[in-house]
Protein backbone atom coordinates (compact mmCIF):
# COMPACT_ATOMS: atom_id res chain seq x y z
CA MET A 1 -43.64 -59.41 -61.17
CA ALA A 2 -47.08 -59.81 -61.96
CA ILE A 3 -48.45 -63.68 -62.06
CA ALA A 4 -49.99 -64.72 -65.00
CA ASN A 5 -52.44 -67.26 -63.73
CA PRO A 6 -53.15 -67.68 -59.74
CA LEU A 7 -54.59 -70.99 -60.22
CA LEU A 8 -52.81 -73.85 -61.73
CA ASN A 9 -54.35 -77.01 -64.02
CA PHE A 10 -52.75 -80.68 -63.39
CA THR A 11 -50.23 -79.95 -66.53
CA ASP A 12 -49.41 -76.75 -65.06
CA LEU A 13 -48.92 -78.94 -61.49
CA SER A 14 -47.36 -82.17 -62.72
CA SER A 15 -44.37 -79.64 -64.79
CA VAL A 16 -43.67 -78.07 -62.00
CA LEU A 17 -43.20 -80.54 -59.26
CA SER A 18 -42.07 -83.03 -62.07
CA VAL A 19 -44.91 -85.85 -61.08
CA THR A 20 -47.40 -87.68 -62.72
CA ARG A 21 -51.42 -86.95 -62.83
CA PRO A 22 -52.10 -90.31 -61.50
CA THR A 23 -49.35 -89.06 -58.54
CA LEU A 24 -51.31 -85.50 -58.04
CA LYS A 25 -54.67 -87.23 -57.57
CA ARG A 26 -53.12 -89.19 -55.04
CA TYR A 27 -51.79 -86.46 -53.19
CA VAL A 28 -55.43 -84.58 -53.79
CA ALA A 29 -56.93 -87.82 -52.26
CA THR A 30 -54.78 -87.98 -49.18
CA GLY A 31 -55.19 -84.65 -48.37
CA LEU A 32 -51.38 -83.10 -49.03
CA LEU A 33 -53.01 -80.98 -52.03
CA LYS A 34 -56.34 -78.89 -51.56
CA PRO A 35 -57.87 -78.59 -55.43
CA VAL A 36 -60.23 -75.20 -55.87
CA LYS A 37 -63.33 -76.68 -57.85
CA LEU A 38 -65.06 -74.50 -60.23
CA GLY A 39 -68.57 -73.92 -61.02
CA VAL A 40 -71.61 -74.81 -59.44
CA VAL A 41 -73.01 -78.53 -58.22
CA ARG A 42 -75.64 -79.15 -60.44
CA PRO A 43 -78.65 -81.03 -58.68
CA GLY A 44 -80.09 -84.55 -59.07
CA ARG A 45 -75.66 -85.44 -59.85
CA ILE A 46 -74.24 -88.05 -58.35
CA ARG A 47 -70.50 -87.47 -59.27
CA ASP A 48 -68.99 -84.31 -59.05
CA ASN A 49 -66.81 -83.24 -62.18
CA ARG A 50 -66.22 -80.10 -61.90
CA PRO A 51 -62.99 -79.00 -63.62
CA VAL A 52 -60.37 -78.77 -60.45
CA ARG A 53 -57.33 -75.95 -60.14
CA PHE A 54 -54.78 -75.31 -57.43
CA ARG A 55 -53.72 -71.71 -56.00
CA ILE A 56 -50.31 -71.23 -57.02
CA GLU A 57 -49.45 -70.34 -53.29
CA ASP A 58 -50.63 -73.63 -51.96
CA ILE A 59 -48.15 -74.82 -54.67
CA ALA A 60 -45.85 -72.73 -53.55
CA SER A 61 -45.89 -73.57 -49.91
CA PHE A 62 -46.36 -77.57 -50.81
CA ALA A 63 -43.32 -77.54 -52.95
CA HIS A 64 -41.03 -74.91 -50.69
CA LEU A 65 -41.08 -72.54 -53.37
CA THR A 66 -42.25 -68.37 -53.63
CA VAL A 67 -44.87 -68.19 -55.77
CA ASP A 68 -42.32 -66.12 -58.69
CA GLN A 69 -40.76 -69.63 -58.82
CA VAL A 70 -43.58 -71.12 -59.26
CA ASP A 71 -44.99 -68.86 -61.81
CA ALA A 72 -41.55 -68.95 -63.71
CA ALA A 73 -42.01 -72.83 -63.68
CA VAL A 74 -44.86 -72.50 -65.51
CA THR A 75 -44.02 -70.16 -67.63
CA ALA A 76 -40.85 -72.13 -68.72
CA ALA A 77 -42.70 -75.28 -69.14
CA LYS A 78 -45.18 -73.73 -71.22
CA ALA A 79 -42.76 -71.64 -73.60
CA VAL A 80 -41.07 -75.30 -74.01
CA GLY A 81 -44.31 -76.75 -74.86
CA LYS A 82 -44.82 -79.62 -72.25
């Protein structure tokens, strides 16, 4: 089965793990989840406001699921319109 998107955003991740966005941000802050920052750091900026995504493999190991199960959960959540 081909994975539709190997990177997940906060919305996809919250539907798979059934947690809220603040909980996901807490997981990132405490180091439970490792984000992938997209783009480049702009010189002279104080805050790093780059978009954040998560690797599907990292989420699968965090949730004790297979990559195919995570991909199926994301696909199902998008089909329902969550």
